N, C-alpha and C. Protein backbone atom coordinates (compact mmCIF):
# COMPACT_ATOMS: atom_id res chain seq x y z
N UNK A 1 -53.85 140.20 20.22
CA UNK A 1 -53.81 139.17 21.26
C UNK A 1 -55.44 138.75 20.97
N UNK A 2 -55.62 136.86 21.00
CA UNK A 2 -56.98 136.31 20.84
C UNK A 2 -57.32 136.42 22.08
N UNK A 3 -58.31 135.66 22.39
CA UNK A 3 -58.96 135.47 23.47
C UNK A 3 -58.15 134.46 24.23
N UNK A 4 -57.41 133.10 23.92
CA UNK A 4 -56.35 132.01 24.75
C UNK A 4 -55.53 132.80 25.17
N UNK A 5 -54.84 133.80 24.82
CA UNK A 5 -53.86 134.96 25.15
C UNK A 5 -54.31 135.54 26.33
N UNK A 6 -55.40 136.23 25.82
CA UNK A 6 -55.93 137.20 27.13
C UNK A 6 -56.06 136.34 28.36
N UNK A 7 -57.18 134.96 28.45
CA UNK A 7 -56.80 134.38 29.28
C UNK A 7 -55.85 133.55 29.65
N UNK A 8 -55.07 133.39 29.01
CA UNK A 8 -53.68 133.04 29.86
C UNK A 8 -52.96 133.91 30.35
N UNK A 9 -52.64 135.62 29.88
CA UNK A 9 -52.38 136.37 30.64
C UNK A 9 -53.14 136.56 32.14
N UNK A 10 -54.58 137.00 32.43
CA UNK A 10 -55.28 136.95 33.41
C UNK A 10 -55.06 135.37 34.01
N UNK A 11 -54.65 134.46 33.78
CA UNK A 11 -54.73 133.47 34.75
C UNK A 11 -52.82 133.53 35.73
N UNK A 12 -52.03 133.90 34.61
CA UNK A 12 -51.01 134.60 34.94
C UNK A 12 -50.71 135.55 36.17
N UNK A 13 -51.50 136.71 35.87
CA UNK A 13 -51.75 137.89 36.45
C UNK A 13 -52.18 137.68 37.78
N UNK A 14 -53.55 136.41 38.00
CA UNK A 14 -54.04 135.99 39.32
C UNK A 14 -53.31 135.40 40.14
N UNK A 15 -52.40 134.31 39.82
CA UNK A 15 -51.33 133.55 40.18
C UNK A 15 -50.03 134.44 41.02
N UNK A 16 -49.62 135.34 40.21
CA UNK A 16 -48.57 135.93 41.33
C UNK A 16 -49.00 136.92 41.52
N UNK A 17 -50.36 137.69 41.75
CA UNK A 17 -51.08 138.75 42.12
C UNK A 17 -50.74 140.34 41.67
N UNK A 18 -50.38 140.20 40.01
CA UNK A 18 -50.19 141.39 39.62
C UNK A 18 -50.99 141.84 38.68
N UNK A 19 -50.85 142.49 37.75
CA UNK A 19 -51.54 142.88 36.89
C UNK A 19 -50.64 143.41 35.76
N UNK A 20 -50.59 142.92 34.60
CA UNK A 20 -49.61 143.01 33.04
C UNK A 20 -50.58 144.11 32.33
N UNK A 21 -49.62 145.78 32.07
CA UNK A 21 -50.39 146.65 31.28
C UNK A 21 -50.87 145.87 29.87
N UNK A 22 -51.69 146.24 28.80
CA UNK A 22 -51.94 145.83 27.56
C UNK A 22 -50.52 146.25 26.82
N UNK A 23 -50.15 147.18 26.79
CA UNK A 23 -48.93 147.54 26.25
C UNK A 23 -47.71 146.74 26.35
N UNK A 24 -47.76 146.00 27.64
CA UNK A 24 -46.54 145.14 27.76
C UNK A 24 -46.77 143.78 27.68
N UNK A 25 -48.27 143.41 27.72
CA UNK A 25 -48.89 142.16 27.23
C UNK A 25 -48.56 142.10 25.69
N UNK A 26 -48.54 143.03 24.97
CA UNK A 26 -48.44 143.28 23.40
C UNK A 26 -46.80 142.87 23.24
N UNK A 27 -46.11 142.86 24.28
CA UNK A 27 -44.50 142.76 23.51
C UNK A 27 -44.14 141.29 23.88
N UNK A 28 -44.89 140.39 24.77
CA UNK A 28 -45.03 139.00 25.34
C UNK A 28 -45.22 138.20 24.24
N UNK A 29 -43.81 137.56 23.77
CA UNK A 29 -43.82 136.48 22.39
C UNK A 29 -43.67 135.36 22.98
N UNK A 30 -42.92 134.75 24.10
CA UNK A 30 -42.44 133.32 24.49
C UNK A 30 -42.57 133.42 25.79
N UNK A 31 -42.59 132.64 26.34
CA UNK A 31 -42.68 132.11 27.62
C UNK A 31 -41.56 133.26 28.34
N UNK A 32 -40.68 132.67 27.99
CA UNK A 32 -38.82 133.53 28.73
C UNK A 32 -39.94 135.02 28.84
N UNK A 33 -39.91 135.63 27.73
CA UNK A 33 -40.54 137.22 27.69
C UNK A 33 -41.17 137.58 29.04
N UNK A 34 -42.29 136.43 29.03
CA UNK A 34 -43.37 136.34 30.15
C UNK A 34 -42.52 136.29 31.38
N UNK A 35 -42.02 135.43 31.93
CA UNK A 35 -41.06 135.03 32.73
C UNK A 35 -40.37 136.37 33.16
N UNK A 36 -39.31 136.93 32.23
CA UNK A 36 -38.15 138.10 32.29
C UNK A 36 -39.49 139.42 33.21
N UNK A 37 -40.61 139.82 32.70
CA UNK A 37 -41.62 140.73 33.13
C UNK A 37 -42.08 140.12 34.89
N UNK A 38 -42.62 139.17 34.82
CA UNK A 38 -42.94 138.80 36.23
C UNK A 38 -41.67 139.15 37.01
N UNK A 39 -40.39 138.42 36.76
CA UNK A 39 -39.37 137.94 37.52
C UNK A 39 -38.79 139.52 38.39
N UNK A 40 -39.03 140.15 36.91
CA UNK A 40 -38.67 141.93 37.56
C UNK A 40 -39.46 142.58 38.56
N UNK A 41 -40.73 141.87 38.23
CA UNK A 41 -42.15 143.10 39.19
C UNK A 41 -41.73 142.03 40.68
N UNK A 42 -41.57 140.86 40.83
CA UNK A 42 -42.11 140.16 42.20
C UNK A 42 -40.78 139.73 43.03
N UNK A 43 -39.43 140.09 42.50
CA UNK A 43 -38.24 139.09 43.27
C UNK A 43 -37.58 140.53 43.21
N UNK A 44 -37.47 140.73 44.75
CA UNK A 44 -36.40 141.59 45.36
C UNK A 44 -35.12 141.07 45.47
N UNK A 45 -35.28 139.51 46.16
CA UNK A 45 -33.94 139.16 46.99
C UNK A 45 -33.86 137.89 45.89
N UNK A 46 -32.92 137.76 45.08
CA UNK A 46 -33.04 136.34 44.00
C UNK A 46 -31.68 135.86 45.30
N UNK A 47 -32.07 134.35 45.23
CA UNK A 47 -31.41 133.56 46.08
C UNK A 47 -30.64 132.76 44.78
N UNK A 48 -29.91 131.64 45.48
CA UNK A 48 -29.10 130.49 44.81
C UNK A 48 -29.50 129.35 45.49
N UNK A 49 -30.67 129.13 46.07
CA UNK A 49 -31.57 127.94 46.33
C UNK A 49 -31.73 127.33 45.38
N UNK A 50 -31.55 126.57 44.88
CA UNK A 50 -31.35 125.37 44.02
C UNK A 50 -32.61 124.02 44.02
N UNK A 51 -33.69 124.61 43.27
CA UNK A 51 -34.88 123.60 43.32
C UNK A 51 -34.80 122.23 42.23
N UNK A 52 -33.94 122.76 41.08
CA UNK A 52 -33.96 121.55 40.81
C UNK A 52 -32.82 120.63 40.95
N UNK A 53 -31.64 121.13 41.79
CA UNK A 53 -31.16 120.10 42.71
C UNK A 53 -32.19 119.53 43.21
N UNK A 54 -32.60 120.26 44.58
CA UNK A 54 -33.60 119.28 45.45
C UNK A 54 -34.79 118.08 44.62
N UNK A 55 -35.10 118.67 43.73
CA UNK A 55 -35.65 117.81 42.82
C UNK A 55 -35.66 116.38 42.14
N UNK A 56 -33.77 117.14 41.13
CA UNK A 56 -33.09 115.81 40.80
C UNK A 56 -32.72 114.83 41.68
N UNK A 57 -32.70 115.40 43.09
CA UNK A 57 -31.67 114.15 43.86
C UNK A 57 -33.22 113.43 43.96
N UNK A 58 -34.43 114.10 44.56
CA UNK A 58 -35.44 113.61 44.53
C UNK A 58 -35.71 111.75 43.37
N UNK A 59 -35.95 112.62 42.58
CA UNK A 59 -36.20 111.46 41.28
C UNK A 59 -34.80 110.64 41.19
N UNK A 60 -33.65 111.05 41.68
CA UNK A 60 -32.61 109.89 41.24
C UNK A 60 -32.96 108.66 42.25
N UNK A 61 -33.06 109.14 43.54
CA UNK A 61 -32.91 108.20 44.53
C UNK A 61 -34.51 107.41 44.19
N UNK A 62 -35.55 108.06 43.42
CA UNK A 62 -36.54 107.55 43.66
C UNK A 62 -36.46 106.32 42.18
N UNK A 63 -35.75 106.23 41.32
CA UNK A 63 -35.27 105.77 39.70
C UNK A 63 -34.24 104.65 40.62
N UNK A 64 -33.38 104.97 41.23
CA UNK A 64 -32.19 103.70 42.20
C UNK A 64 -33.45 102.39 42.34
N UNK A 65 -34.40 103.31 43.30
CA UNK A 65 -35.22 102.22 44.18
C UNK A 65 -36.24 101.30 43.52
N UNK A 66 -36.40 101.81 41.88
CA UNK A 66 -37.32 101.06 41.46
C UNK A 66 -36.65 100.02 40.31
N UNK A 67 -35.48 100.59 39.99
CA UNK A 67 -34.48 99.88 38.79
C UNK A 67 -33.17 99.07 39.75
N UNK A 68 -32.96 98.07 39.30
CA UNK A 68 -31.49 97.33 39.55
C UNK A 68 -30.89 97.51 38.68
N UNK A 69 -30.33 98.80 38.06
CA UNK A 69 -29.14 99.00 36.89
C UNK A 69 -28.48 99.78 38.35
N UNK A 70 -27.00 99.33 37.73
CA UNK A 70 -26.05 100.56 38.55
C UNK A 70 -25.42 101.76 37.74
N UNK A 71 -26.25 101.79 36.72
CA UNK A 71 -25.80 102.69 35.65
C UNK A 71 -26.03 104.16 36.53
N UNK A 72 -24.77 104.89 36.36
CA UNK A 72 -24.92 106.23 37.25
C UNK A 72 -26.24 106.92 36.33
N UNK A 73 -27.04 107.89 37.08
CA UNK A 73 -27.98 108.20 36.88
C UNK A 73 -27.53 109.93 36.89
N UNK A 74 -27.60 110.62 35.50
CA UNK A 74 -27.43 111.89 35.51
C UNK A 74 -27.95 113.04 35.11
N UNK A 75 -28.13 113.95 35.06
CA UNK A 75 -29.39 115.12 34.51
C UNK A 75 -29.63 114.51 32.99
N UNK A 76 -28.44 114.40 32.26
CA UNK A 76 -28.63 114.08 30.58
C UNK A 76 -28.99 112.67 30.50
N UNK A 77 -29.11 111.97 31.36
CA UNK A 77 -29.25 110.61 31.38
C UNK A 77 -30.88 110.34 30.29
N UNK A 78 -31.08 110.00 29.21
CA UNK A 78 -32.24 109.42 28.67
C UNK A 78 -33.33 109.20 29.65
N UNK A 79 -34.68 109.09 29.51
CA UNK A 79 -35.24 108.10 30.22
C UNK A 79 -35.64 106.94 29.84
N UNK A 80 -35.33 106.71 28.31
CA UNK A 80 -35.47 105.55 27.65
C UNK A 80 -34.22 104.72 27.87
N UNK A 81 -33.04 105.09 29.02
CA UNK A 81 -32.03 104.31 29.15
C UNK A 81 -32.36 103.74 30.46
N UNK A 82 -33.13 104.20 31.21
CA UNK A 82 -33.47 103.79 32.79
C UNK A 82 -34.47 102.93 32.81
N UNK A 83 -35.53 103.12 31.98
CA UNK A 83 -36.65 102.20 31.78
C UNK A 83 -36.35 101.68 30.29
N UNK A 84 -36.79 100.37 30.42
CA UNK A 84 -37.29 99.89 29.35
C UNK A 84 -38.48 99.65 28.57
N UNK A 85 -38.82 99.50 27.33
CA UNK A 85 -40.19 99.72 26.78
C UNK A 85 -40.97 99.28 27.53
N UNK A 86 -40.57 97.79 27.82
CA UNK A 86 -41.62 96.68 28.22
C UNK A 86 -42.11 97.01 29.54
N UNK A 87 -40.71 98.18 30.14
CA UNK A 87 -41.49 97.96 31.60
C UNK A 87 -41.95 99.14 32.38
N UNK A 88 -42.15 100.12 31.11
CA UNK A 88 -42.33 102.05 31.49
C UNK A 88 -43.29 101.93 31.87
N UNK A 89 -44.31 101.48 31.65
CA UNK A 89 -46.02 101.43 32.18
C UNK A 89 -45.99 101.44 33.59
N UNK A 90 -45.16 100.29 34.14
CA UNK A 90 -45.50 99.88 35.52
C UNK A 90 -44.52 100.92 35.92
N UNK A 91 -42.88 100.96 35.83
CA UNK A 91 -42.36 101.88 36.22
C UNK A 91 -42.36 103.06 36.60
N UNK A 92 -43.55 103.66 35.54
CA UNK A 92 -43.91 104.88 35.36
C UNK A 92 -44.82 105.26 36.46
N UNK A 93 -45.70 104.44 36.66
CA UNK A 93 -46.29 104.99 37.57
C UNK A 93 -46.18 104.48 39.52
N UNK A 94 -45.18 103.32 39.37
CA UNK A 94 -44.22 103.44 40.86
C UNK A 94 -43.67 104.51 41.28
N UNK A 95 -42.96 105.19 39.93
CA UNK A 95 -42.48 106.57 40.29
C UNK A 95 -42.98 107.25 40.92
N UNK A 96 -44.33 107.65 39.99
CA UNK A 96 -45.25 108.51 40.44
C UNK A 96 -45.56 108.20 41.94
N UNK A 97 -45.69 107.01 42.57
CA UNK A 97 -46.37 106.96 43.79
C UNK A 97 -45.15 106.96 44.42
N UNK A 98 -43.86 106.86 44.34
CA UNK A 98 -42.74 106.72 45.11
C UNK A 98 -42.75 108.10 45.36
N UNK A 99 -42.49 109.09 44.45
CA UNK A 99 -42.26 110.49 44.28
C UNK A 99 -43.26 111.46 45.16
N UNK A 100 -44.99 110.75 45.09
CA UNK A 100 -45.89 111.42 45.36
C UNK A 100 -45.68 112.74 44.50
N UNK A 101 -45.62 112.67 43.49
CA UNK A 101 -45.45 114.06 42.55
C UNK A 101 -46.53 113.62 41.07
N UNK A 102 -46.86 114.73 40.85
CA UNK A 102 -47.80 113.90 39.12
C UNK A 102 -46.17 114.43 38.30
N UNK A 103 -46.42 113.34 37.15
CA UNK A 103 -45.37 113.35 36.25
C UNK A 103 -45.93 113.26 34.64
N UNK A 104 -45.26 114.09 34.21
CA UNK A 104 -46.05 113.96 32.15
C UNK A 104 -46.69 112.72 32.07
N UNK A 105 -47.99 112.90 31.41
CA UNK A 105 -48.54 111.66 31.07
C UNK A 105 -47.51 110.88 29.85
N UNK A 106 -47.51 109.52 29.71
CA UNK A 106 -46.91 108.62 28.72
C UNK A 106 -47.81 108.75 27.30
N UNK A 107 -47.15 108.89 26.63
CA UNK A 107 -48.17 108.86 25.10
C UNK A 107 -47.58 107.65 24.18
N UNK A 108 -48.75 107.38 23.66
CA UNK A 108 -48.56 106.20 22.45
C UNK A 108 -46.91 106.09 21.73
N UNK A 109 -46.28 106.76 21.49
CA UNK A 109 -45.01 106.81 21.23
C UNK A 109 -44.23 106.08 22.22
N UNK A 110 -44.80 106.37 23.31
CA UNK A 110 -43.18 105.85 24.00
C UNK A 110 -43.85 104.16 24.32
N UNK A 111 -44.98 103.53 23.91
CA UNK A 111 -44.77 102.33 23.79
C UNK A 111 -44.57 101.59 22.76
N UNK A 112 -44.62 102.45 21.82
CA UNK A 112 -44.76 102.00 20.07
C UNK A 112 -43.84 102.99 19.34
N UNK A 113 -42.52 102.74 19.23
CA UNK A 113 -42.02 103.53 18.59
C UNK A 113 -42.21 103.77 16.99
N UNK A 114 -42.94 102.78 16.59
CA UNK A 114 -43.14 102.29 15.20
C UNK A 114 -44.11 102.43 14.47
N UNK A 115 -44.72 103.69 15.67
CA UNK A 115 -46.03 104.78 15.04
C UNK A 115 -46.13 105.83 13.68
N UNK A 116 -44.85 106.05 13.90
CA UNK A 116 -44.24 107.18 13.15
C UNK A 116 -45.06 108.66 14.01
N UNK A 117 -44.18 109.36 13.38
CA UNK A 117 -44.65 110.99 14.31
C UNK A 117 -46.25 111.43 14.12
N UNK A 118 -46.52 111.05 12.62
CA UNK A 118 -47.85 111.71 12.04
C UNK A 118 -49.06 110.62 12.34
N UNK A 119 -50.46 111.19 12.55
CA UNK A 119 -51.02 110.30 12.26
C UNK A 119 -51.76 110.25 10.69
N UNK A 120 -52.06 109.61 10.03
CA UNK A 120 -52.27 109.24 8.67
C UNK A 120 -53.81 109.43 8.27
N UNK A 121 -54.73 110.17 7.46
CA UNK A 121 -56.37 109.64 7.19
C UNK A 121 -55.90 109.60 5.72
N UNK A 122 -56.45 108.63 5.05
CA UNK A 122 -56.46 108.86 4.02
C UNK A 122 -55.09 108.14 2.74
N UNK A 123 -54.42 108.38 3.80
CA UNK A 123 -52.78 108.62 3.28
C UNK A 123 -52.66 109.88 3.34
N UNK A 124 -53.02 110.79 3.57
CA UNK A 124 -52.26 112.14 4.24
C UNK A 124 -52.41 112.41 5.63
N UNK A 125 -50.93 112.92 5.67
CA UNK A 125 -50.06 113.54 6.62
C UNK A 125 -51.19 114.28 7.38
N UNK A 126 -51.67 114.37 8.36
CA UNK A 126 -52.70 115.36 9.37
C UNK A 126 -52.22 115.94 10.58
N UNK A 127 -52.17 114.89 11.88
CA UNK A 127 -51.80 115.34 12.50
C UNK A 127 -50.19 114.82 13.27
N UNK A 128 -49.89 115.96 13.89
CA UNK A 128 -48.65 115.53 14.60
C UNK A 128 -48.35 114.97 15.98
N UNK A 129 -48.11 113.71 16.30
CA UNK A 129 -48.04 112.34 17.62
C UNK A 129 -47.34 113.50 18.43
N UNK A 130 -48.08 113.35 19.73
CA UNK A 130 -47.09 113.86 20.60
C UNK A 130 -45.70 113.19 21.10
N UNK A 131 -44.82 113.99 21.24
CA UNK A 131 -42.97 113.21 21.26
C UNK A 131 -43.51 112.52 22.37
N UNK A 132 -42.62 111.39 22.35
CA UNK A 132 -42.40 110.39 23.45
C UNK A 132 -41.75 111.16 24.80
N UNK A 133 -42.62 111.13 25.83
CA UNK A 133 -41.85 111.42 27.00
C UNK A 133 -40.77 111.09 27.24
N UNK A 134 -40.45 109.77 26.94
CA UNK A 134 -39.40 108.69 26.91
C UNK A 134 -38.13 109.09 26.31
N UNK A 135 -38.07 110.03 25.25
CA UNK A 135 -36.89 110.41 24.51
C UNK A 135 -36.26 111.48 25.20
N UNK A 136 -37.07 111.99 26.50
CA UNK A 136 -36.68 112.77 27.27
C UNK A 136 -35.59 113.01 28.53
N UNK A 137 -34.61 114.05 28.52
CA UNK A 137 -33.63 113.39 29.65
C UNK A 137 -34.18 113.49 31.30
N UNK A 138 -33.36 113.00 32.10
CA UNK A 138 -33.62 113.16 33.52
C UNK A 138 -33.74 114.96 34.02
N UNK A 139 -33.02 115.91 33.25
CA UNK A 139 -32.91 117.33 33.25
C UNK A 139 -34.30 117.59 32.89
N UNK A 140 -34.79 116.78 31.89
CA UNK A 140 -36.18 117.44 30.88
C UNK A 140 -37.46 117.15 32.35
N UNK A 141 -37.30 116.07 33.10
CA UNK A 141 -38.58 115.61 34.05
C UNK A 141 -38.14 116.43 34.68
N UNK A 142 -37.10 116.86 35.45
CA UNK A 142 -37.46 117.74 36.62
C UNK A 142 -37.60 118.97 36.33
N UNK A 143 -37.67 119.68 35.45
CA UNK A 143 -38.39 120.48 34.67
C UNK A 143 -39.88 120.14 34.87
N UNK A 144 -40.12 119.64 33.62
CA UNK A 144 -41.62 119.10 33.78
C UNK A 144 -42.47 118.74 34.97
N UNK A 145 -41.68 118.21 35.99
CA UNK A 145 -42.08 117.87 37.87
C UNK A 145 -42.40 119.21 38.33
N UNK A 146 -41.41 119.43 37.84
CA UNK A 146 -41.32 120.93 38.81
C UNK A 146 -42.81 122.20 38.27
N UNK A 147 -43.09 122.02 37.25
CA UNK A 147 -44.04 123.08 37.03
C UNK A 147 -45.24 122.12 37.10
N UNK A 148 -45.48 120.96 37.36
CA UNK A 148 -46.60 119.98 37.32
C UNK A 148 -47.32 119.63 38.66
N UNK A 149 -45.89 120.03 39.71
CA UNK A 149 -46.29 120.61 40.73
C UNK A 149 -45.96 121.79 41.55
N UNK A 150 -46.22 122.71 40.71
CA UNK A 150 -45.60 123.96 40.80
C UNK A 150 -46.52 124.45 42.47
N UNK A 151 -47.28 124.31 42.72
CA UNK A 151 -48.19 125.16 44.02
C UNK A 151 -47.56 123.73 45.23
N UNK A 152 -46.99 122.38 44.83
CA UNK A 152 -46.74 121.70 46.36
C UNK A 152 -44.84 122.09 46.34
N UNK A 153 -44.32 122.53 45.01
CA UNK A 153 -42.94 122.51 45.08
C UNK A 153 -42.32 124.38 45.34
N UNK A 154 -43.74 125.20 45.02
CA UNK A 154 -42.86 126.44 44.82
C UNK A 154 -43.83 127.37 45.97
N UNK A 155 -43.04 127.90 46.62
CA UNK A 155 -43.75 128.90 47.83
C UNK A 155 -44.75 130.11 46.65
N UNK A 156 -45.19 129.99 45.75
CA UNK A 156 -45.46 131.48 45.29
C UNK A 156 -44.95 132.84 46.14
N UNK A 157 -45.30 133.16 47.68
CA UNK A 157 -44.84 134.63 48.35
C UNK A 157 -43.53 134.00 48.54
N UNK A 158 -42.50 133.69 48.39
CA UNK A 158 -40.76 133.18 48.15
C UNK A 158 -40.57 132.84 47.27
N UNK A 159 -40.58 133.28 46.02
CA UNK A 159 -40.42 133.03 44.81
C UNK A 159 -38.56 133.49 44.98
N UNK A 160 -37.98 132.96 44.11
CA UNK A 160 -36.68 133.18 44.42
C UNK A 160 -35.52 133.04 43.20
N UNK A 161 -36.33 132.62 42.45
CA UNK A 161 -35.43 132.86 41.05
C UNK A 161 -36.24 132.76 39.53
N UNK A 162 -35.69 133.27 38.19
CA UNK A 162 -36.70 133.24 37.48
C UNK A 162 -37.09 131.94 36.69
N UNK A 163 -36.07 131.00 36.95
CA UNK A 163 -36.03 129.56 36.96
C UNK A 163 -38.03 129.19 37.38
N UNK A 164 -37.82 129.50 38.65
CA UNK A 164 -39.08 129.23 39.39
C UNK A 164 -40.68 129.66 38.60
N UNK A 165 -40.18 130.81 38.10
CA UNK A 165 -41.12 131.68 37.65
C UNK A 165 -41.29 131.46 36.28
N UNK A 166 -40.49 131.01 35.54
CA UNK A 166 -40.68 130.13 34.39
C UNK A 166 -41.55 128.78 34.23
N UNK A 167 -40.95 128.33 35.67
CA UNK A 167 -42.05 126.51 35.85
C UNK A 167 -43.13 126.67 36.11
N UNK A 168 -43.46 128.11 36.82
CA UNK A 168 -44.99 128.15 37.02
C UNK A 168 -45.44 129.03 35.61
N UNK A 169 -45.10 129.03 34.42
CA UNK A 169 -45.60 129.67 33.59
C UNK A 169 -45.70 128.56 32.64
N UNK A 170 -44.96 127.68 32.86
CA UNK A 170 -44.99 127.15 31.89
C UNK A 170 -46.45 125.55 32.11
N UNK A 171 -46.42 125.68 33.35
CA UNK A 171 -47.49 124.94 34.05
C UNK A 171 -48.86 125.56 33.90
N UNK A 172 -49.08 126.54 34.42
CA UNK A 172 -50.58 127.07 33.85
C UNK A 172 -50.25 127.46 32.63
N UNK A 173 -49.38 127.38 31.52
CA UNK A 173 -49.75 127.10 30.16
C UNK A 173 -50.08 126.12 29.66
N UNK A 174 -50.00 124.73 30.39
CA UNK A 174 -50.37 123.52 30.06
C UNK A 174 -51.78 123.42 30.43
N UNK A 175 -52.08 123.74 31.67
CA UNK A 175 -53.53 123.86 32.31
C UNK A 175 -54.66 124.63 31.09
N UNK A 176 -53.96 125.61 30.84
CA UNK A 176 -54.90 126.70 30.10
C UNK A 176 -54.96 126.16 28.61
N UNK A 177 -53.87 125.69 28.15
CA UNK A 177 -54.30 125.42 26.51
C UNK A 177 -54.06 123.81 25.99
N UNK A 178 -53.75 122.93 27.06
CA UNK A 178 -54.08 121.80 27.01
C UNK A 178 -52.64 120.73 26.16
N UNK A 179 -51.55 121.54 26.25
CA UNK A 179 -50.55 121.44 25.48
C UNK A 179 -49.83 120.30 26.47
N UNK A 180 -49.20 118.93 26.23
CA UNK A 180 -48.93 118.46 27.24
C UNK A 180 -47.00 119.20 27.67
N UNK A 181 -46.95 118.97 29.13
CA UNK A 181 -45.69 119.82 29.84
C UNK A 181 -44.68 119.56 28.85
N UNK A 182 -44.05 118.57 28.14
CA UNK A 182 -43.14 117.77 27.57
C UNK A 182 -42.96 118.38 26.19
N UNK A 183 -43.79 119.52 26.09
CA UNK A 183 -43.82 119.77 24.76
C UNK A 183 -44.00 121.72 24.66
N UNK A 184 -43.26 122.29 25.90
CA UNK A 184 -43.57 123.33 26.02
C UNK A 184 -42.05 123.74 26.71
N UNK A 185 -41.72 124.46 25.73
CA UNK A 185 -39.84 125.13 26.64
C UNK A 185 -39.98 126.77 26.62
N UNK A 186 -39.26 127.37 27.45
CA UNK A 186 -39.03 128.67 27.87
C UNK A 186 -39.03 129.28 26.40
N UNK A 187 -38.71 128.97 25.57
CA UNK A 187 -38.57 129.72 24.53
C UNK A 187 -39.05 129.71 23.21
N UNK A 188 -39.92 128.96 23.53
CA UNK A 188 -41.39 128.64 22.26
C UNK A 188 -42.29 130.06 22.55
N UNK A 189 -42.39 130.49 21.32
CA UNK A 189 -43.29 131.43 21.21
C UNK A 189 -44.72 131.15 21.25
N UNK A 190 -45.86 131.95 22.23
CA UNK A 190 -46.97 131.51 22.10
C UNK A 190 -47.74 131.15 20.92
N UNK A 191 -47.65 131.87 20.17
CA UNK A 191 -48.23 132.06 18.91
C UNK A 191 -47.81 130.83 18.13
N UNK A 192 -46.44 130.97 17.43
CA UNK A 192 -46.26 129.86 16.64
C UNK A 192 -45.42 128.82 16.91
N UNK A 193 -45.15 128.74 17.82
CA UNK A 193 -44.66 127.14 18.65
C UNK A 193 -45.72 126.45 19.48
N UNK A 194 -46.65 127.14 20.36
CA UNK A 194 -47.82 126.57 20.79
C UNK A 194 -49.39 126.69 20.40
N UNK A 195 -49.04 127.65 19.37
CA UNK A 195 -50.56 127.54 18.85
C UNK A 195 -51.70 128.27 19.00
N UNK A 196 -51.40 129.12 20.34
CA UNK A 196 -51.93 129.88 21.24
C UNK A 196 -52.75 131.37 20.59
N UNK A 197 -53.69 131.78 19.97
CA UNK A 197 -53.87 132.97 19.54
C UNK A 197 -54.12 134.09 20.12
């Protein structure tokens, strides 16, 4: 385990008020592995409370207030189907204000899809650009929003589902490592997918 991994484990331990033995930490390869360990330790009464449903309806209501579209907004609707590229920046800011929640930051590819997925220096492909947020779905936006607003939306003393644990871990990973929340999935390996040593 490298220093970044140790710091991430310590941040997550502090958040949940538990300690993870070194032997357990060495077996954590993905965010899902981490969530499984945390969930098994802290949740004694899982419930069917559906935080995703609550946040989805909140986002859908705000989107309807901001757009004149009659199109039905479903979890699998792409963000780019709700906002045109020209209105995206203004509407994204308005959505953030209406929800009173943090949203993922938009990236260059959200505004100019012609940029290409990599930055080239002297004709050599070097740096992969961040994936456009607007290519995500409303379902992904719900996940990202919950992770970014975990302290507002999830009561750490009343964790009721593994999903809540996953969202908290994704948010802490984003904070500690600096990877945009839109690039973090629960199946990602800390080392191979997220580049954490």
